[in-house]
Amino acid sequence: KKFEIRYARVSSAAHPRCGKMRAVRDLLEAEVLSGDWLVFVDADAAFRCTSKLASSLGRIARRRYGLVVGNRFGFFAIRREPWAFDWLERMASAQESRPLLCAVHQWPENAVSRVVNATGDKCHVVVEPDFARDNIRHAAGSGEKR
C-alpha cells in the first residue's frame, strides 16, 4: 500500500518536519499489521530504478531490528511492534515539548533521536547508509532541491 502522510507544524517556530513522527506513529497504528514494516520516504526523495528494498529489509529483518534509518530520517523503515510505538511516542513528545530542538537544527529528527534514545533502544535501531544509497536518491540539502 502507498500512503501520503500530511503532518502539522508543532509550533510556528519549529521546522515543518517536527510533526512527522506523530503522523508516522498514527499511520503505523491505523494501517500496518503487526510485524509488518512501514517505509517512510520524504517527498524530496525517489526510489532508484535498481532499488533493492525488499532484499534490504529482508536482510535487516533477520537481525531483528525494529527501526532502520538510512542515514537521516528522510528515509527509514519501522516495524510495527510495541517497541516502535514507544519510541515514536517518545520522539513525537520530545518534538512537541521541545520546539527549540526543531527550530535550530537542520535535521531535527536526528537531534531529537539523540535526546530520546535510551540504552535499551540500541538493540532495536540500526543506521545503515547503504540502505538509503541502495534504494533512493534524496535531494535533502542539495542544490537540486531548490
C-alpha atoms as a PDB file:
ATOM      1  CA  LYS A   1       0.000   0.000   0.000  1.00  0.00           C
ATOM      2  CA  LYS A   2       1.014   3.579  -0.555  1.00  0.00           C
ATOM      3  CA  PHE A   3       0.090   6.365   1.880  1.00  0.00           C
ATOM      4  CA  GLU A   4       0.569  10.092   1.797  1.00  0.00           C
ATOM      5  CA  ILE A   5       1.340  11.420   5.255  1.00  0.00           C
ATOM      6  CA  ARG A   6       0.446  15.005   5.979  1.00  0.00           C
ATOM      7  CA  TYR A   7       1.727  16.394   9.218  1.00  0.00           C
ATOM      8  CA  ALA A   8       1.348  19.696  11.000  1.00  0.00           C
ATOM      9  CA  ARG A   9       3.979  22.015  12.390  1.00  0.00           C
ATOM     10  CA  VAL A  10       4.223  21.596  16.164  1.00  0.00           C
ATOM     11  CA  SER A  11       4.781  25.351  16.611  1.00  0.00           C
ATOM     12  CA  SER A  12       5.225  28.371  14.378  1.00  0.00           C
ATOM     13  CA  ALA A  13       8.959  28.472  15.168  1.00  0.00           C
ATOM     14  CA  ALA A  14       9.560  24.763  14.610  1.00  0.00           C
ATOM     15  CA  HIS A  15      10.816  23.071  11.483  1.00  0.00           C
ATOM     16  CA  PRO A  16       7.892  21.690   9.434  1.00  0.00           C
ATOM     17  CA  ARG A  17       9.225  18.131   9.856  1.00  0.00           C
ATOM     18  CA  CYS A  18       8.719  18.192  13.591  1.00  0.00           C
ATOM     19  CA  GLY A  19       5.201  16.809  13.253  1.00  0.00           C
ATOM     20  CA  LYS A  20       6.429  13.813  11.254  1.00  0.00           C
ATOM     21  CA  MET A  21       6.903  11.223  14.000  1.00  0.00           C
ATOM     22  CA  ARG A  22       3.407  11.720  15.436  1.00  0.00           C
ATOM     23  CA  ALA A  23       1.946  11.218  11.949  1.00  0.00           C
ATOM     24  CA  VAL A  24       4.103   8.122  11.361  1.00  0.00           C
ATOM     25  CA  ARG A  25       3.020   6.674  14.707  1.00  0.00           C
ATOM     26  CA  ASP A  26      -0.655   7.258  13.909  1.00  0.00           C
ATOM     27  CA  LEU A  27      -0.309   5.654  10.470  1.00  0.00           C
ATOM     28  CA  LEU A  28       1.600   2.675  11.869  1.00  0.00           C
ATOM     29  CA  GLU A  29      -1.188   2.091  14.372  1.00  0.00           C
ATOM     30  CA  ALA A  30      -4.055   2.553  11.899  1.00  0.00           C
ATOM     31  CA  GLU A  31      -2.782   0.849   8.744  1.00  0.00           C
ATOM     32  CA  VAL A  32       0.125  -1.531   9.337  1.00  0.00           C
ATOM     33  CA  LEU A  33      -0.286  -5.121  10.511  1.00  0.00           C
ATOM     34  CA  SER A  34       1.680  -6.380  13.492  1.00  0.00           C
ATOM     35  CA  GLY A  35       5.204  -7.386  12.458  1.00  0.00           C
ATOM     36  CA  ASP A  36       4.994  -5.610   9.074  1.00  0.00           C
ATOM     37  CA  TRP A  37       7.160  -2.684   8.022  1.00  0.00           C
ATOM     38  CA  LEU A  38       6.268   0.911   7.249  1.00  0.00           C
ATOM     39  CA  VAL A  39       8.800   2.557   4.932  1.00  0.00           C
ATOM     40  CA  PHE A  40       8.914   6.347   5.115  1.00  0.00           C
ATOM     41  CA  VAL A  41      10.302   8.305   2.167  1.00  0.00           C
ATOM     42  CA  ASP A  42      10.482  12.111   2.159  1.00  0.00           C
ATOM     43  CA  ALA A  43       8.729  13.953  -0.659  1.00  0.00           C
ATOM     44  CA  ASP A  44      12.135  15.094  -1.961  1.00  0.00           C
ATOM     45  CA  ALA A  45      13.377  11.527  -2.420  1.00  0.00           C
ATOM     46  CA  ALA A  46      12.721   8.948  -5.095  1.00  0.00           C
ATOM     47  CA  PHE A  47      13.349   5.227  -5.402  1.00  0.00           C
ATOM     48  CA  ARG A  48      16.185   4.203  -7.663  1.00  0.00           C
ATOM     49  CA  CYS A  49      15.419   2.043 -10.690  1.00  0.00           C
ATOM     50  CA  THR A  50      17.720  -0.552  -9.162  1.00  0.00           C
ATOM     51  CA  SER A  51      16.094  -0.368  -5.710  1.00  0.00           C
ATOM     52  CA  LYS A  52      16.750  -3.417  -3.547  1.00  0.00           C
ATOM     53  CA  LEU A  53      14.187  -2.521  -0.882  1.00  0.00           C
ATOM     54  CA  ALA A  54      12.707  -5.997  -0.411  1.00  0.00           C
ATOM     55  CA  SER A  55      16.087  -7.716  -0.106  1.00  0.00           C
ATOM     56  CA  SER A  56      17.450  -4.899   2.101  1.00  0.00           C
ATOM     57  CA  LEU A  57      14.531  -5.200   4.506  1.00  0.00           C
ATOM     58  CA  GLY A  58      14.720  -8.993   4.458  1.00  0.00           C
ATOM     59  CA  ARG A  59      18.403  -8.940   5.399  1.00  0.00           C
ATOM     60  CA  ILE A  60      17.804  -6.406   8.170  1.00  0.00           C
ATOM     61  CA  ALA A  61      14.644  -8.133   9.448  1.00  0.00           C
ATOM     62  CA  ARG A  62      16.608 -11.317  10.080  1.00  0.00           C
ATOM     63  CA  ARG A  63      18.732  -9.343  12.546  1.00  0.00           C
ATOM     64  CA  ARG A  64      15.541  -8.391  14.454  1.00  0.00           C
ATOM     65  CA  TYR A  65      15.895  -4.616  14.340  1.00  0.00           C
ATOM     66  CA  GLY A  66      12.718  -2.569  14.653  1.00  0.00           C
ATOM     67  CA  LEU A  67      13.973   0.658  13.058  1.00  0.00           C
ATOM     68  CA  VAL A  68      16.291   1.056  10.110  1.00  0.00           C
ATOM     69  CA  VAL A  69      17.463   4.594   9.386  1.00  0.00           C
ATOM     70  CA  GLY A  70      19.049   5.173   6.015  1.00  0.00           C
ATOM     71  CA  ASN A  71      21.235   7.986   7.302  1.00  0.00           C
ATOM     72  CA  ARG A  72      18.809  10.677   8.362  1.00  0.00           C
ATOM     73  CA  PHE A  73      15.090  10.377   8.908  1.00  0.00           C
ATOM     74  CA  GLY A  74      14.165  11.222   5.309  1.00  0.00           C
ATOM     75  CA  PHE A  75      14.207   7.501   4.578  1.00  0.00           C
ATOM     76  CA  PHE A  76      13.591   4.914   7.248  1.00  0.00           C
ATOM     77  CA  ALA A  77      11.675   1.727   7.900  1.00  0.00           C
ATOM     78  CA  ILE A  78       9.957   0.875  11.151  1.00  0.00           C
ATOM     79  CA  ARG A  79       8.378  -2.426  12.103  1.00  0.00           C
ATOM     80  CA  ARG A  80       5.003  -2.458  13.829  1.00  0.00           C
ATOM     81  CA  GLU A  81       5.847  -3.779  17.274  1.00  0.00           C
ATOM     82  CA  PRO A  82       5.403  -2.481  20.848  1.00  0.00           C
ATOM     83  CA  TRP A  83       8.919  -1.015  20.962  1.00  0.00           C
ATOM     84  CA  ALA A  84       8.198   1.063  17.837  1.00  0.00           C
ATOM     85  CA  PHE A  85       5.118   2.681  19.353  1.00  0.00           C
ATOM     86  CA  ASP A  86       7.044   3.568  22.496  1.00  0.00           C
ATOM     87  CA  TRP A  87       9.962   5.016  20.514  1.00  0.00           C
ATOM     88  CA  LEU A  88       7.724   7.004  18.152  1.00  0.00           C
ATOM     89  CA  GLU A  89       5.765   8.371  21.115  1.00  0.00           C
ATOM     90  CA  ARG A  90       8.998   9.493  22.802  1.00  0.00           C
ATOM     91  CA  MET A  91      10.147  11.127  19.559  1.00  0.00           C
ATOM     92  CA  ALA A  92       6.819  12.880  18.955  1.00  0.00           C
ATOM     93  CA  SER A  93       6.526  14.048  22.563  1.00  0.00           C
ATOM     94  CA  ALA A  94      10.065  15.461  22.511  1.00  0.00           C
ATOM     95  CA  GLN A  95       9.366  17.298  19.248  1.00  0.00           C
ATOM     96  CA  GLU A  96       6.163  18.738  20.680  1.00  0.00           C
ATOM     97  CA  SER A  97       7.580  19.704  24.077  1.00  0.00           C
ATOM     98  CA  ARG A  98      10.997  20.968  22.930  1.00  0.00           C
ATOM     99  CA  PRO A  99      10.322  23.218  19.938  1.00  0.00           C
ATOM    100  CA  LEU A 100      13.831  24.672  20.136  1.00  0.00           C
ATOM    101  CA  LEU A 101      15.250  21.307  19.025  1.00  0.00           C
ATOM    102  CA  CYS A 102      13.051  21.603  15.955  1.00  0.00           C
ATOM    103  CA  ALA A 103      13.748  25.287  15.372  1.00  0.00           C
ATOM    104  CA  VAL A 104      17.552  25.310  15.336  1.00  0.00           C
ATOM    105  CA  HIS A 105      18.620  22.020  13.744  1.00  0.00           C
ATOM    106  CA  GLN A 106      18.925  21.320  10.021  1.00  0.00           C
ATOM    107  CA  TRP A 107      17.857  17.710  10.646  1.00  0.00           C
ATOM    108  CA  PRO A 108      15.642  17.967  13.727  1.00  0.00           C
ATOM    109  CA  GLU A 109      14.728  14.272  13.837  1.00  0.00           C
ATOM    110  CA  ASN A 110      18.400  13.373  14.301  1.00  0.00           C
ATOM    111  CA  ALA A 111      18.735  15.895  17.146  1.00  0.00           C
ATOM    112  CA  VAL A 112      15.597  14.620  18.856  1.00  0.00           C
ATOM    113  CA  SER A 113      16.643  10.967  18.488  1.00  0.00           C
ATOM    114  CA  ARG A 114      19.921  11.752  20.275  1.00  0.00           C
ATOM    115  CA  VAL A 115      17.868  13.158  23.163  1.00  0.00           C
ATOM    116  CA  VAL A 116      15.307  10.347  23.475  1.00  0.00           C
ATOM    117  CA  ASN A 117      17.292   7.230  22.583  1.00  0.00           C
ATOM    118  CA  ALA A 118      17.869   5.091  25.653  1.00  0.00           C
ATOM    119  CA  THR A 119      20.374   2.303  26.228  1.00  0.00           C
ATOM    120  CA  GLY A 120      17.677  -0.304  25.556  1.00  0.00           C
ATOM    121  CA  ASP A 121      16.997   1.157  22.097  1.00  0.00           C
ATOM    122  CA  LYS A 122      20.410   0.117  20.764  1.00  0.00           C
ATOM    123  CA  CYS A 123      19.296  -3.436  20.048  1.00  0.00           C
ATOM    124  CA  HIS A 124      16.294  -2.144  18.045  1.00  0.00           C
ATOM    125  CA  VAL A 125      17.879   0.620  15.941  1.00  0.00           C
ATOM    126  CA  VAL A 126      20.369   0.402  13.135  1.00  0.00           C
ATOM    127  CA  VAL A 127      21.699   3.229  10.978  1.00  0.00           C
ATOM    128  CA  GLU A 128      22.553   1.820   7.561  1.00  0.00           C
ATOM    129  CA  PRO A 129      23.698   4.396   4.995  1.00  0.00           C
ATOM    130  CA  ASP A 130      23.763   1.575   2.416  1.00  0.00           C
ATOM    131  CA  PHE A 131      20.016   1.116   2.965  1.00  0.00           C
ATOM    132  CA  ALA A 132      19.496   4.644   1.640  1.00  0.00           C
ATOM    133  CA  ARG A 133      22.217   4.525  -1.004  1.00  0.00           C
ATOM    134  CA  ASP A 134      20.933   1.264  -2.494  1.00  0.00           C
ATOM    135  CA  ASN A 135      17.298   2.307  -2.605  1.00  0.00           C
ATOM    136  CA  ILE A 136      16.746   6.049  -3.001  1.00  0.00           C
ATOM    137  CA  ARG A 137      18.093   9.309  -4.324  1.00  0.00           C
ATOM    138  CA  HIS A 138      17.459  12.042  -1.760  1.00  0.00           C
ATOM    139  CA  ALA A 139      17.723  15.737  -2.622  1.00  0.00           C
ATOM    140  CA  ALA A 140      17.973  16.795   1.059  1.00  0.00           C
ATOM    141  CA  GLY A 141      20.280  19.748   1.428  1.00  0.00           C
ATOM    142  CA  SER A 142      21.244  19.735  -2.239  1.00  0.00           C
ATOM    143  CA  GLY A 143      21.084  22.395  -4.913  1.00  0.00           C
ATOM    144  CA  GLU A 144      18.738  20.079  -6.847  1.00  0.00           C
ATOM    145  CA  LYS A 145      16.067  20.732  -4.249  1.00  0.00           C
ATOM    146  CA  ARG A 146      15.945  24.487  -4.839  1.00  0.00           C
END
